[in-house]
Amino acid sequence: MLVIAQHTKITDPQAFWAKAQSVIGATPAGTSVLSVFPSQDGKTGTCIWEAQSADQLQQFLDEASEGLATNFCYEVNEAAGIGLPERKKEAALN
């Protein structure tokens, strides 16, 4: 499933985004980041993930970014989504 992760209240943008880079290879099984969209100042960001569940991703991100950001994860309504990654768009339409 597609999951959106919103990162807000990033206290140290340089440390947060460096940490994000370092955990990409250590994600839970069945979880991978598809897109990363940091704001210009690095204090907020939105990422698109492929994950088993929003709760699993939430727990992983909260542990990985403890003290650096507030995270909010939710499952995408793929049938109503616009601009889905190509592989997900095709699956949602079929």
PDB file of N, CA and C in Angstrom:
ATOM      1  N   MET A   1       0.838  -1.182   0.000  1.00  0.00           N
ATOM      2  CA  MET A   1       0.000   0.000   0.000  1.00  0.00           C
ATOM      3  C   MET A   1       0.879   1.241   0.000  1.00  0.00           C
ATOM      4  N   LEU A   2       0.333   2.319  -0.515  1.00  0.00           N
ATOM      5  CA  LEU A   2       1.046   3.594  -0.458  1.00  0.00           C
ATOM      6  C   LEU A   2       0.718   4.286   0.855  1.00  0.00           C
ATOM      7  N   VAL A   3       1.739   4.851   1.469  1.00  0.00           N
ATOM      8  CA  VAL A   3       1.579   5.580   2.722  1.00  0.00           C
ATOM      9  C   VAL A   3       2.294   6.916   2.588  1.00  0.00           C
ATOM     10  N   ILE A   4       1.618   7.977   3.006  1.00  0.00           N
ATOM     11  CA  ILE A   4       2.222   9.306   3.062  1.00  0.00           C
ATOM     12  C   ILE A   4       2.773   9.508   4.463  1.00  0.00           C
ATOM     13  N   ALA A   5       3.981  10.031   4.535  1.00  0.00           N
ATOM     14  CA  ALA A   5       4.572  10.417   5.818  1.00  0.00           C
ATOM     15  C   ALA A   5       4.820  11.917   5.774  1.00  0.00           C
ATOM     16  N   GLN A   6       4.189  12.632   6.672  1.00  0.00           N
ATOM     17  CA  GLN A   6       4.412  14.072   6.790  1.00  0.00           C
ATOM     18  C   GLN A   6       5.308  14.298   7.995  1.00  0.00           C
ATOM     19  N   HIS A   7       6.374  15.047   7.764  1.00  0.00           N
ATOM     20  CA  HIS A   7       7.339  15.354   8.822  1.00  0.00           C
ATOM     21  C   HIS A   7       7.237  16.849   9.112  1.00  0.00           C
ATOM     22  N   THR A   8       6.901  17.182  10.343  1.00  0.00           N
ATOM     23  CA  THR A   8       6.759  18.584  10.726  1.00  0.00           C
ATOM     24  C   THR A   8       7.573  18.857  11.986  1.00  0.00           C
ATOM     25  N   LYS A   9       7.662  20.107  12.330  1.00  0.00           N
ATOM     26  CA  LYS A   9       8.374  20.535  13.544  1.00  0.00           C
ATOM     27  C   LYS A   9       9.784  19.949  13.601  1.00  0.00           C
ATOM     28  N   ILE A  10      10.458  19.929  12.448  1.00  0.00           N
ATOM     29  CA  ILE A  10      11.827  19.410  12.385  1.00  0.00           C
ATOM     30  C   ILE A  10      12.724  20.402  13.116  1.00  0.00           C
ATOM     31  N   THR A  11      13.325  19.943  14.200  1.00  0.00           N
ATOM     32  CA  THR A  11      14.097  20.831  15.068  1.00  0.00           C
ATOM     33  C   THR A  11      15.496  21.124  14.547  1.00  0.00           C
ATOM     34  N   ASP A  12      16.064  20.183  13.817  1.00  0.00           N
ATOM     35  CA  ASP A  12      17.414  20.332  13.257  1.00  0.00           C
ATOM     36  C   ASP A  12      17.386  19.732  11.859  1.00  0.00           C
ATOM     37  N   PRO A  13      17.062  20.562  10.846  1.00  0.00           N
ATOM     38  CA  PRO A  13      16.910  20.034   9.490  1.00  0.00           C
ATOM     39  C   PRO A  13      18.124  19.244   8.982  1.00  0.00           C
ATOM     40  N   GLN A  14      19.309  19.737   9.241  1.00  0.00           N
ATOM     41  CA  GLN A  14      20.499  19.047   8.753  1.00  0.00           C
ATOM     42  C   GLN A  14      20.597  17.643   9.359  1.00  0.00           C
ATOM     43  N   ALA A  15      20.386  17.541  10.666  1.00  0.00           N
ATOM     44  CA  ALA A  15      20.454  16.240  11.341  1.00  0.00           C
ATOM     45  C   ALA A  15      19.314  15.323  10.896  1.00  0.00           C
ATOM     46  N   PHE A  16      18.103  15.883  10.757  1.00  0.00           N
ATOM     47  CA  PHE A  16      16.952  15.065  10.365  1.00  0.00           C
ATOM     48  C   PHE A  16      17.148  14.452   8.992  1.00  0.00           C
ATOM     49  N   TRP A  17      17.522  15.281   8.008  1.00  0.00           N
ATOM     50  CA  TRP A  17      17.647  14.762   6.644  1.00  0.00           C
ATOM     51  C   TRP A  17      18.859  13.852   6.499  1.00  0.00           C
ATOM     52  N   ALA A  18      19.911  14.072   7.274  1.00  0.00           N
ATOM     53  CA  ALA A  18      21.049  13.149   7.278  1.00  0.00           C
ATOM     54  C   ALA A  18      20.613  11.808   7.865  1.00  0.00           C
ATOM     55  N   LYS A  19      19.838  11.850   8.926  1.00  0.00           N
ATOM     56  CA  LYS A  19      19.324  10.623   9.530  1.00  0.00           C
ATOM     57  C   LYS A  19      18.412   9.892   8.549  1.00  0.00           C
ATOM     58  N   ALA A  20      17.589  10.643   7.836  1.00  0.00           N
ATOM     59  CA  ALA A  20      16.700  10.040   6.841  1.00  0.00           C
ATOM     60  C   ALA A  20      17.512   9.269   5.799  1.00  0.00           C
ATOM     61  N   GLN A  21      18.590   9.857   5.326  1.00  0.00           N
ATOM     62  CA  GLN A  21      19.452   9.178   4.353  1.00  0.00           C
ATOM     63  C   GLN A  21      20.048   7.903   4.943  1.00  0.00           C
ATOM     64  N   SER A  22      20.407   7.940   6.214  1.00  0.00           N
ATOM     65  CA  SER A  22      21.084   6.797   6.830  1.00  0.00           C
ATOM     66  C   SER A  22      20.151   5.623   7.101  1.00  0.00           C
ATOM     67  N   VAL A  23      18.849   5.855   7.265  1.00  0.00           N
ATOM     68  CA  VAL A  23      17.939   4.755   7.577  1.00  0.00           C
ATOM     69  C   VAL A  23      17.260   4.164   6.341  1.00  0.00           C
ATOM     70  N   ILE A  24      17.471   4.747   5.183  1.00  0.00           N
ATOM     71  CA  ILE A  24      16.826   4.249   3.963  1.00  0.00           C
ATOM     72  C   ILE A  24      17.111   2.757   3.765  1.00  0.00           C
ATOM     73  N   GLY A  25      18.326   2.313   4.022  1.00  0.00           N
ATOM     74  CA  GLY A  25      18.674   0.906   3.839  1.00  0.00           C
ATOM     75  C   GLY A  25      18.292   0.008   4.994  1.00  0.00           C
ATOM     76  N   ALA A  26      17.714   0.580   6.041  1.00  0.00           N
ATOM     77  CA  ALA A  26      17.379  -0.205   7.237  1.00  0.00           C
ATOM     78  C   ALA A  26      15.882  -0.195   7.523  1.00  0.00           C
ATOM     79  N   THR A  27      15.086  -0.065   6.486  1.00  0.00           N
ATOM     80  CA  THR A  27      13.641  -0.007   6.667  1.00  0.00           C
ATOM     81  C   THR A  27      13.081  -1.409   6.940  1.00  0.00           C
ATOM     82  N   PRO A  28      11.906  -1.494   7.558  1.00  0.00           N
ATOM     83  CA  PRO A  28      11.302  -2.802   7.810  1.00  0.00           C
ATOM     84  C   PRO A  28      11.050  -3.556   6.492  1.00  0.00           C
ATOM     85  N   ALA A  29      11.001  -4.864   6.573  1.00  0.00           N
ATOM     86  CA  ALA A  29      10.717  -5.680   5.390  1.00  0.00           C
ATOM     87  C   ALA A  29       9.423  -5.226   4.732  1.00  0.00           C
ATOM     88  N   GLY A  30       9.429  -5.149   3.417  1.00  0.00           N
ATOM     89  CA  GLY A  30       8.237  -4.729   2.678  1.00  0.00           C
ATOM     90  C   GLY A  30       8.013  -3.240   2.663  1.00  0.00           C
ATOM     91  N   THR A  31       8.985  -2.486   3.129  1.00  0.00           N
ATOM     92  CA  THR A  31       8.867  -1.028   3.214  1.00  0.00           C
ATOM     93  C   THR A  31       9.965  -0.386   2.382  1.00  0.00           C
ATOM     94  N   SER A  32       9.576   0.585   1.555  1.00  0.00           N
ATOM     95  CA  SER A  32      10.578   1.335   0.792  1.00  0.00           C
ATOM     96  C   SER A  32      10.061   2.735   0.510  1.00  0.00           C
ATOM     97  N   VAL A  33      10.970   3.683   0.504  1.00  0.00           N
ATOM     98  CA  VAL A  33      10.602   5.063   0.203  1.00  0.00           C
ATOM     99  C   VAL A  33      10.602   5.228  -1.320  1.00  0.00           C
ATOM    100  N   LEU A  34       9.558   5.874  -1.834  1.00  0.00           N
ATOM    101  CA  LEU A  34       9.428   6.093  -3.269  1.00  0.00           C
ATOM    102  C   LEU A  34       9.792   7.512  -3.667  1.00  0.00           C
ATOM    103  N   SER A  35       9.427   8.478  -2.842  1.00  0.00           N
ATOM    104  CA  SER A  35       9.691   9.893  -3.129  1.00  0.00           C
ATOM    105  C   SER A  35       9.884  10.652  -1.833  1.00  0.00           C
ATOM    106  N   VAL A  36      10.739  11.674  -1.895  1.00  0.00           N
ATOM    107  CA  VAL A  36      11.020  12.532  -0.738  1.00  0.00           C
ATOM    108  C   VAL A  36      10.908  13.979  -1.195  1.00  0.00           C
ATOM    109  N   PHE A  37      10.119  14.772  -0.459  1.00  0.00           N
ATOM    110  CA  PHE A  37       9.874  16.165  -0.806  1.00  0.00           C
ATOM    111  C   PHE A  37      10.125  17.075   0.395  1.00  0.00           C
ATOM    112  N   PRO A  38      11.374  17.450   0.648  1.00  0.00           N
ATOM    113  CA  PRO A  38      11.648  18.380   1.750  1.00  0.00           C
ATOM    114  C   PRO A  38      11.292  19.806   1.345  1.00  0.00           C
ATOM    115  N   SER A  39      10.905  20.611   2.327  1.00  0.00           N
ATOM    116  CA  SER A  39      10.667  22.034   2.053  1.00  0.00           C
ATOM    117  C   SER A  39      12.005  22.730   1.824  1.00  0.00           C
ATOM    118  N   GLN A  40      11.955  23.942   1.311  1.00  0.00           N
ATOM    119  CA  GLN A  40      13.176  24.699   1.037  1.00  0.00           C
ATOM    120  C   GLN A  40      14.030  24.883   2.283  1.00  0.00           C
ATOM    121  N   ASP A  41      13.393  25.138   3.425  1.00  0.00           N
ATOM    122  CA  ASP A  41      14.163  25.360   4.657  1.00  0.00           C
ATOM    123  C   ASP A  41      14.448  24.061   5.421  1.00  0.00           C
ATOM    124  N   GLY A  42      13.902  22.930   4.939  1.00  0.00           N
ATOM    125  CA  GLY A  42      14.155  21.638   5.564  1.00  0.00           C
ATOM    126  C   GLY A  42      13.392  21.388   6.849  1.00  0.00           C
ATOM    127  N   LYS A  43      12.500  22.300   7.233  1.00  0.00           N
ATOM    128  CA  LYS A  43      11.792  22.155   8.503  1.00  0.00           C
ATOM    129  C   LYS A  43      10.502  21.345   8.411  1.00  0.00           C
ATOM    130  N   THR A  44      10.086  21.011   7.191  1.00  0.00           N
ATOM    131  CA  THR A  44       8.951  20.121   6.957  1.00  0.00           C
ATOM    132  C   THR A  44       9.270  19.275   5.729  1.00  0.00           C
ATOM    133  N   GLY A  45       8.525  18.205   5.583  1.00  0.00           N
ATOM    134  CA  GLY A  45       8.712  17.367   4.413  1.00  0.00           C
ATOM    135  C   GLY A  45       7.596  16.356   4.287  1.00  0.00           C
ATOM    136  N   THR A  46       7.434  15.858   3.084  1.00  0.00           N
ATOM    137  CA  THR A  46       6.449  14.826   2.799  1.00  0.00           C
ATOM    138  C   THR A  46       7.133  13.740   1.993  1.00  0.00           C
ATOM    139  N   CYS A  47       6.882  12.485   2.362  1.00  0.00           N
ATOM    140  CA  CYS A  47       7.477  11.353   1.662  1.00  0.00           C
ATOM    141  C   CYS A  47       6.384  10.374   1.278  1.00  0.00           C
ATOM    142  N   ILE A  48       6.585   9.711   0.157  1.00  0.00           N
ATOM    143  CA  ILE A  48       5.687   8.649  -0.284  1.00  0.00           C
ATOM    144  C   ILE A  48       6.416   7.329  -0.093  1.00  0.00           C
ATOM    145  N   TRP A  49       5.751   6.412   0.593  1.00  0.00           N
ATOM    146  CA  TRP A  49       6.327   5.111   0.913  1.00  0.00           C
ATOM    147  C   TRP A  49       5.456   3.988   0.386  1.00  0.00           C
ATOM    148  N   GLU A  50       6.066   2.864   0.121  1.00  0.00           N
ATOM    149  CA  GLU A  50       5.385   1.591  -0.046  1.00  0.00           C
ATOM    150  C   GLU A  50       5.591   0.897   1.299  1.00  0.00           C
ATOM    151  N   ALA A  51       4.502   0.504   1.965  1.00  0.00           N
ATOM    152  CA  ALA A  51       4.629  -0.069   3.302  1.00  0.00           C
ATOM    153  C   ALA A  51       3.532  -1.097   3.551  1.00  0.00           C
ATOM    154  N   GLN A  52       3.751  -1.938   4.553  1.00  0.00           N
ATOM    155  CA  GLN A  52       2.752  -2.938   4.948  1.00  0.00           C
ATOM    156  C   GLN A  52       1.562  -2.275   5.631  1.00  0.00           C
ATOM    157  N   SER A  53       1.828  -1.206   6.402  1.00  0.00           N
ATOM    158  CA  SER A  53       0.752  -0.471   7.070  1.00  0.00           C
ATOM    159  C   SER A  53       1.258   0.906   7.477  1.00  0.00           C
ATOM    160  N   ALA A  54       0.323   1.823   7.642  1.00  0.00           N
ATOM    161  CA  ALA A  54       0.676   3.170   8.095  1.00  0.00           C
ATOM    162  C   ALA A  54       1.194   3.115   9.534  1.00  0.00           C
ATOM    163  N   ASP A  55       0.611   2.256  10.350  1.00  0.00           N
ATOM    164  CA  ASP A  55       1.045   2.143  11.752  1.00  0.00           C
ATOM    165  C   ASP A  55       2.486   1.649  11.849  1.00  0.00           C
ATOM    166  N   GLN A  56       2.835   0.651  11.041  1.00  0.00           N
ATOM    167  CA  GLN A  56       4.196   0.119  11.055  1.00  0.00           C
ATOM    168  C   GLN A  56       5.190   1.205  10.645  1.00  0.00           C
ATOM    169  N   LEU A  57       4.858   1.950   9.608  1.00  0.00           N
ATOM    170  CA  LEU A  57       5.745   3.017   9.150  1.00  0.00           C
ATOM    171  C   LEU A  57       5.842   4.121  10.195  1.00  0.00           C
ATOM    172  N   GLN A  58       4.717   4.473  10.807  1.00  0.00           N
ATOM    173  CA  GLN A  58       4.703   5.494  11.855  1.00  0.00           C
ATOM    174  C   GLN A  58       5.662   5.127  12.976  1.00  0.00           C
ATOM    175  N   GLN A  59       5.592   3.882  13.433  1.00  0.00           N
ATOM    176  CA  GLN A  59       6.459   3.435  14.522  1.00  0.00           C
ATOM    177  C   GLN A  59       7.929   3.504  14.107  1.00  0.00           C
ATOM    178  N   PHE A  60       8.231   3.034  12.908  1.00  0.00           N
ATOM    179  CA  PHE A  60       9.607   3.064  12.415  1.00  0.00           C
ATOM    180  C   PHE A  60      10.141   4.496  12.345  1.00  0.00           C
ATOM    181  N   LEU A  61       9.360   5.397  11.758  1.00  0.00           N
ATOM    182  CA  LEU A  61       9.812   6.786  11.604  1.00  0.00           C
ATOM    183  C   LEU A  61       9.933   7.499  12.943  1.00  0.00           C
ATOM    184  N   ASP A  62       8.997   7.238  13.853  1.00  0.00           N
ATOM    185  CA  ASP A  62       9.072   7.868  15.174  1.00  0.00           C
ATOM    186  C   ASP A  62      10.342   7.447  15.915  1.00  0.00           C
ATOM    187  N   GLU A  63      10.680   6.166  15.821  1.00  0.00           N
ATOM    188  CA  GLU A  63      11.902   5.689  16.470  1.00  0.00           C
ATOM    189  C   GLU A  63      13.146   6.266  15.792  1.00  0.00           C
ATOM    190  N   ALA A  64      13.134   6.303  14.460  1.00  0.00           N
ATOM    191  CA  ALA A  64      14.308   6.772  13.707  1.00  0.00           C
ATOM    192  C   ALA A  64      14.556   8.271  13.874  1.00  0.00           C
ATOM    193  N   SER A  65      13.493   9.035  14.074  1.00  0.00           N
ATOM    194  CA  SER A  65      13.639  10.498  14.139  1.00  0.00           C
ATOM    195  C   SER A  65      13.353  11.059  15.525  1.00  0.00           C
ATOM    196  N   GLU A  66      13.430  10.227  16.533  1.00  0.00           N
ATOM    197  CA  GLU A  66      13.102  10.645  17.902  1.00  0.00           C
ATOM    198  C   GLU A  66      13.834  11.929  18.275  1.00  0.00           C
ATOM    199  N   GLY A  67      13.062  12.916  18.701  1.00  0.00           N
ATOM    200  CA  GLY A  67      13.622  14.191  19.115  1.00  0.00           C
ATOM    201  C   GLY A  67      13.915  15.156  17.981  1.00  0.00           C
ATOM    202  N   LEU A  68      13.769  14.693  16.739  1.00  0.00           N
ATOM    203  CA  LEU A  68      14.088  15.555  15.595  1.00  0.00           C
ATOM    204  C   LEU A  68      12.863  16.072  14.853  1.00  0.00           C
ATOM    205  N   ALA A  69      11.718  15.356  14.957  1.00  0.00           N
ATOM    206  CA  ALA A  69      10.543  15.750  14.176  1.00  0.00           C
ATOM    207  C   ALA A  69       9.280  15.104  14.734  1.00  0.00           C
ATOM    208  N   THR A  70       8.154  15.647  14.304  1.00  0.00           N
ATOM    209  CA  THR A  70       6.856  15.030  14.528  1.00  0.00           C
ATOM    210  C   THR A  70       6.428  14.423  13.200  1.00  0.00           C
ATOM    211  N   ASN A  71       6.018  13.158  13.223  1.00  0.00           N
ATOM    212  CA  ASN A  71       5.631  12.456  12.000  1.00  0.00           C
ATOM    213  C   ASN A  71       4.155  12.097  12.043  1.00  0.00           C
ATOM    214  N   PHE A  72       3.530  12.114  10.876  1.00  0.00           N
ATOM    215  CA  PHE A  72       2.138  11.697  10.746  1.00  0.00           C
ATOM    216  C   PHE A  72       2.030  10.867   9.475  1.00  0.00           C
ATOM    217  N   CYS A  73       1.608   9.609   9.613  1.00  0.00           N
ATOM    218  CA  CYS A  73       1.505   8.700   8.475  1.00  0.00           C
ATOM    219  C   CYS A  73       0.049   8.311   8.245  1.00  0.00           C
ATOM    220  N   TYR A  74      -0.316   8.187   6.960  1.00  0.00           N
ATOM    221  CA  TYR A  74      -1.654   7.723   6.626  1.00  0.00           C
ATOM    222  C   TYR A  74      -1.641   6.981   5.300  1.00  0.00           C
ATOM    223  N   GLU A  75      -2.568   6.018   5.189  1.00  0.00           N
ATOM    224  CA  GLU A  75      -2.708   5.238   3.966  1.00  0.00           C
ATOM    225  C   GLU A  75      -3.374   6.082   2.885  1.00  0.00           C
ATOM    226  N   VAL A  76      -2.867   5.974   1.680  1.00  0.00           N
ATOM    227  CA  VAL A  76      -3.417   6.702   0.538  1.00  0.00           C
ATOM    228  C   VAL A  76      -4.645   5.972   0.004  1.00  0.00           C
ATOM    229  N   ASN A  77      -5.674   6.719  -0.297  1.00  0.00           N
ATOM    230  CA  ASN A  77      -6.834   6.182  -1.015  1.00  0.00           C
ATOM    231  C   ASN A  77      -6.431   6.130  -2.486  1.00  0.00           C
ATOM    232  N   GLU A  78      -5.880   5.001  -2.901  1.00  0.00           N
ATOM    233  CA  GLU A  78      -5.305   4.902  -4.234  1.00  0.00           C
ATOM    234  C   GLU A  78      -6.337   5.022  -5.345  1.00  0.00           C
ATOM    235  N   ALA A  79      -7.567   4.584  -5.104  1.00  0.00           N
ATOM    236  CA  ALA A  79      -8.607   4.684  -6.126  1.00  0.00           C
ATOM    237  C   ALA A  79      -8.960   6.141  -6.426  1.00  0.00           C
ATOM    238  N   ALA A  80      -8.799   7.023  -5.447  1.00  0.00           N
ATOM    239  CA  ALA A  80      -9.125   8.435  -5.627  1.00  0.00           C
ATOM    240  C   ALA A  80      -7.885   9.295  -5.864  1.00  0.00           C
ATOM    241  N   GLY A  81      -6.712   8.686  -5.776  1.00  0.00           N
ATOM    242  CA  GLY A  81      -5.469   9.439  -5.893  1.00  0.00           C
ATOM    243  C   GLY A  81      -5.216   9.943  -7.310  1.00  0.00           C
ATOM    244  N   ILE A  82      -4.536  11.058  -7.395  1.00  0.00           N
ATOM    245  CA  ILE A  82      -4.110  11.653  -8.667  1.00  0.00           C
ATOM    246  C   ILE A  82      -2.605  11.779  -8.609  1.00  0.00           C
ATOM    247  N   GLY A  83      -1.923  11.352  -9.655  1.00  0.00           N
ATOM    248  CA  GLY A  83      -0.475  11.456  -9.696  1.00  0.00           C
ATOM    249  C   GLY A  83       0.234  10.341  -8.943  1.00  0.00           C
ATOM    250  N   LEU A  84      -0.409   9.191  -8.834  1.00  0.00           N
ATOM    251  CA  LEU A  84       0.213   8.049  -8.166  1.00  0.00           C
ATOM    252  C   LEU A  84       1.443   7.600  -8.948  1.00  0.00           C
ATOM    253  N   PRO A  85       2.397   6.986  -8.267  1.00  0.00           N
ATOM    254  CA  PRO A  85       3.504   6.370  -9.006  1.00  0.00           C
ATOM    255  C   PRO A  85       2.922   5.413 -10.043  1.00  0.00           C
ATOM    256  N   GLU A  86       3.495   5.343 -11.210  1.00  0.00           N
ATOM    257  CA  GLU A  86       2.940   4.579 -12.332  1.00  0.00           C
ATOM    258  C   GLU A  86       2.515   3.164 -11.957  1.00  0.00           C
ATOM    259  N   ARG A  87       3.345   2.429 -11.251  1.00  0.00           N
ATOM    260  CA  ARG A  87       2.982   1.044 -10.935  1.00  0.00           C
ATOM    261  C   ARG A  87       1.755   0.983 -10.049  1.00  0.00           C
ATOM    262  N   LYS A  88       1.551   1.959  -9.165  1.00  0.00           N
ATOM    263  CA  LYS A  88       0.386   1.953  -8.288  1.00  0.00           C
ATOM    264  C   LYS A  88      -0.855   2.450  -9.045  1.00  0.00           C
ATOM    265  N   LYS A  89      -0.680   3.414  -9.933  1.00  0.00           N
ATOM    266  CA  LYS A  89      -1.809   3.936 -10.694  1.00  0.00           C
ATOM    267  C   LYS A  89      -2.434   2.823 -11.540  1.00  0.00           C
ATOM    268  N   GLU A  90      -1.596   2.045 -12.211  1.00  0.00           N
ATOM    269  CA  GLU A  90      -2.086   0.955 -13.047  1.00  0.00           C
ATOM    270  C   GLU A  90      -2.840  -0.079 -12.212  1.00  0.00           C
ATOM    271  N   ALA A  91      -2.323  -0.429 -11.052  1.00  0.00           N
ATOM    272  CA  ALA A  91      -2.972  -1.414 -10.179  1.00  0.00           C
ATOM    273  C   ALA A  91      -4.305  -0.897  -9.657  1.00  0.00           C
ATOM    274  N   ALA A  92      -4.378   0.376  -9.338  1.00  0.00           N
ATOM    275  CA  ALA A  92      -5.608   0.945  -8.795  1.00  0.00           C
ATOM    276  C   ALA A  92      -6.722   1.003  -9.839  1.00  0.00           C
ATOM    277  N   LEU A  93      -6.337   1.166 -11.101  1.00  0.00           N
ATOM    278  CA  LEU A  93      -7.339   1.275 -12.162  1.00  0.00           C
ATOM    279  C   LEU A  93      -7.842  -0.085 -12.631  1.00  0.00           C
ATOM    280  N   ASN A  94      -7.121  -1.126 -12.329  1.00  0.00           N
ATOM    281  CA  ASN A  94      -7.512  -2.484 -12.799  1.00  0.00           C
ATOM    282  C   ASN A  94      -8.241  -3.258 -11.733  1.00  0.00           C
TER     283      ASN A  94
END
